[in-house]
N, C-alpha and C. Protein backbone atom coordinates (compact mmCIF):
# COMPACT_ATOMS: atom_id res chain seq x y z
N ASN A 1 22.70 56.80 -145.26
CA ASN A 1 23.90 56.38 -144.54
C ASN A 1 23.51 55.32 -143.52
N ASN A 2 24.06 54.14 -143.60
CA ASN A 2 23.72 53.04 -142.70
C ASN A 2 24.37 53.17 -141.34
N ASP A 3 25.32 54.09 -141.17
CA ASP A 3 25.99 54.27 -139.88
C ASP A 3 25.20 55.17 -138.95
N ASP A 4 24.13 55.79 -139.43
CA ASP A 4 23.33 56.69 -138.61
C ASP A 4 22.53 55.87 -137.60
N PRO A 5 22.71 56.09 -136.28
CA PRO A 5 21.97 55.30 -135.28
C PRO A 5 20.48 55.61 -135.26
N ASN A 6 20.05 56.73 -135.84
CA ASN A 6 18.64 57.10 -135.85
C ASN A 6 17.95 56.75 -137.16
N ASN A 7 18.62 56.01 -138.02
CA ASN A 7 18.04 55.58 -139.28
C ASN A 7 16.88 54.62 -138.97
N PRO A 8 15.65 54.94 -139.40
CA PRO A 8 14.51 54.07 -139.06
C PRO A 8 14.66 52.66 -139.59
N TRP A 9 15.39 52.46 -140.69
CA TRP A 9 15.59 51.11 -141.21
C TRP A 9 16.51 50.31 -140.31
N SER A 10 17.37 51.00 -139.55
CA SER A 10 18.26 50.31 -138.62
C SER A 10 17.57 50.03 -137.29
N LEU A 11 16.58 50.84 -136.93
CA LEU A 11 15.90 50.69 -135.64
C LEU A 11 14.84 49.59 -135.66
N ALA A 12 14.23 49.36 -136.80
CA ALA A 12 13.17 48.37 -136.89
C ALA A 12 13.76 46.96 -136.93
N PRO A 13 13.10 45.99 -136.27
CA PRO A 13 13.61 44.62 -136.34
C PRO A 13 13.45 44.05 -137.75
N SER A 14 14.34 43.18 -138.12
CA SER A 14 14.25 42.54 -139.43
C SER A 14 13.79 41.10 -139.24
N TYR A 15 13.07 40.59 -140.23
CA TYR A 15 12.51 39.25 -140.16
C TYR A 15 12.95 38.45 -141.37
N SER A 16 13.05 37.15 -141.19
CA SER A 16 13.40 36.24 -142.28
C SER A 16 12.26 35.25 -142.47
N GLN A 17 11.94 34.97 -143.73
CA GLN A 17 10.89 34.00 -144.02
C GLN A 17 11.53 32.63 -144.17
N VAL A 18 10.91 31.64 -143.56
CA VAL A 18 11.43 30.29 -143.61
C VAL A 18 10.93 29.61 -144.87
N ILE A 19 11.87 29.04 -145.63
CA ILE A 19 11.52 28.32 -146.85
C ILE A 19 11.94 26.87 -146.71
N ASP A 20 11.38 26.01 -147.56
CA ASP A 20 11.71 24.58 -147.47
C ASP A 20 13.04 24.29 -148.15
N ASN A 21 13.42 23.01 -148.18
CA ASN A 21 14.73 22.61 -148.70
C ASN A 21 14.88 22.84 -150.19
N ASN A 22 13.77 22.89 -150.92
CA ASN A 22 13.83 23.10 -152.37
C ASN A 22 13.89 24.57 -152.74
N GLY A 23 13.83 25.45 -151.76
CA GLY A 23 13.84 26.89 -152.03
C GLY A 23 12.46 27.45 -152.28
N ASN A 24 11.41 26.64 -152.10
CA ASN A 24 10.05 27.11 -152.28
C ASN A 24 9.53 27.72 -151.00
N ILE A 25 8.68 28.72 -151.15
CA ILE A 25 8.07 29.34 -149.99
C ILE A 25 7.02 28.39 -149.42
N ASN A 26 7.06 28.18 -148.13
CA ASN A 26 6.14 27.29 -147.43
C ASN A 26 4.72 27.84 -147.54
N PRO A 27 3.70 27.00 -147.83
CA PRO A 27 2.33 27.48 -147.90
C PRO A 27 1.79 27.94 -146.54
N ASN A 28 2.39 27.48 -145.46
CA ASN A 28 2.04 27.95 -144.12
C ASN A 28 3.22 28.74 -143.57
N PRO A 29 3.39 29.97 -144.06
CA PRO A 29 4.61 30.70 -143.72
C PRO A 29 4.62 31.20 -142.28
N PHE A 30 5.80 31.32 -141.76
CA PHE A 30 5.99 31.99 -140.49
C PHE A 30 7.29 32.76 -140.56
N MET A 31 7.37 33.81 -139.78
CA MET A 31 8.51 34.70 -139.84
C MET A 31 9.34 34.53 -138.57
N ILE A 32 10.65 34.63 -138.70
CA ILE A 32 11.56 34.55 -137.57
C ILE A 32 12.31 35.87 -137.48
N GLN A 33 12.31 36.45 -136.28
CA GLN A 33 13.04 37.69 -136.09
C GLN A 33 14.53 37.40 -136.07
N THR A 34 15.28 38.16 -136.84
CA THR A 34 16.73 38.00 -136.86
C THR A 34 17.28 38.42 -135.51
N PRO A 35 17.99 37.53 -134.81
CA PRO A 35 18.43 37.86 -133.46
C PRO A 35 19.52 38.92 -133.45
N ASP A 36 19.51 39.71 -132.39
CA ASP A 36 20.58 40.66 -132.14
C ASP A 36 20.97 40.56 -130.68
N LYS A 37 21.76 41.48 -130.18
CA LYS A 37 22.24 41.37 -128.81
C LYS A 37 21.12 41.52 -127.78
N ASN A 38 19.98 42.10 -128.15
CA ASN A 38 18.86 42.27 -127.23
C ASN A 38 17.82 41.16 -127.35
N THR A 39 17.91 40.33 -128.36
CA THR A 39 16.92 39.28 -128.57
C THR A 39 17.10 38.14 -127.58
N ASN A 40 18.31 37.65 -127.44
CA ASN A 40 18.60 36.52 -126.57
C ASN A 40 19.12 37.03 -125.24
N MET A 41 18.30 36.90 -124.20
CA MET A 41 18.72 37.39 -122.89
C MET A 41 19.71 36.46 -122.21
N PHE A 42 19.96 35.28 -122.77
CA PHE A 42 20.86 34.32 -122.15
C PHE A 42 22.28 34.40 -122.71
N ILE A 43 22.56 35.44 -123.49
CA ILE A 43 23.89 35.55 -124.09
C ILE A 43 24.93 36.05 -123.09
N ASP A 44 24.50 36.68 -122.01
CA ASP A 44 25.41 37.21 -121.00
C ASP A 44 24.93 36.73 -119.64
N ILE A 45 25.83 36.50 -118.70
CA ILE A 45 25.45 35.97 -117.39
C ILE A 45 24.54 36.95 -116.64
N ARG A 46 24.78 38.24 -116.78
CA ARG A 46 23.94 39.23 -116.07
C ARG A 46 22.51 39.22 -116.61
N THR A 47 22.38 39.22 -117.91
CA THR A 47 21.04 39.23 -118.48
C THR A 47 20.36 37.88 -118.32
N SER A 48 21.13 36.79 -118.27
CA SER A 48 20.51 35.48 -118.06
C SER A 48 19.95 35.38 -116.65
N LEU A 49 20.66 35.90 -115.66
CA LEU A 49 20.13 35.91 -114.29
C LEU A 49 18.89 36.79 -114.20
N PHE A 50 18.90 37.91 -114.91
CA PHE A 50 17.74 38.79 -114.93
C PHE A 50 16.55 38.10 -115.61
N ALA A 51 16.80 37.37 -116.68
CA ALA A 51 15.73 36.66 -117.38
C ALA A 51 15.13 35.57 -116.49
N ILE A 52 15.98 34.85 -115.76
CA ILE A 52 15.48 33.82 -114.84
C ILE A 52 14.66 34.46 -113.73
N TYR A 53 15.13 35.60 -113.22
CA TYR A 53 14.38 36.31 -112.19
C TYR A 53 13.00 36.71 -112.71
N LEU A 54 12.95 37.28 -113.92
CA LEU A 54 11.66 37.67 -114.49
C LEU A 54 10.76 36.47 -114.71
N PHE A 55 11.34 35.35 -115.12
CA PHE A 55 10.57 34.13 -115.33
C PHE A 55 9.98 33.63 -114.02
N LEU A 56 10.79 33.59 -112.96
CA LEU A 56 10.32 33.08 -111.68
C LEU A 56 9.39 34.05 -110.97
N ALA A 57 9.58 35.34 -111.19
CA ALA A 57 8.73 36.34 -110.55
C ALA A 57 7.34 36.36 -111.19
N GLY A 58 7.26 35.88 -112.42
CA GLY A 58 5.98 35.75 -113.09
C GLY A 58 5.45 37.02 -113.61
């Protein structure tokens, strides 16, 4: 059941492989994490201020 919040497949981050324009897999592959609401801290004003604080606090 995909609606279960404790499903381990739902808890783990998902990644996408970057391919070139021809649909071929790049010989120097890299993975990109699929963004969610916790990935980008600048999506909300409160979390963006917190992210800037963490950046400046070092």
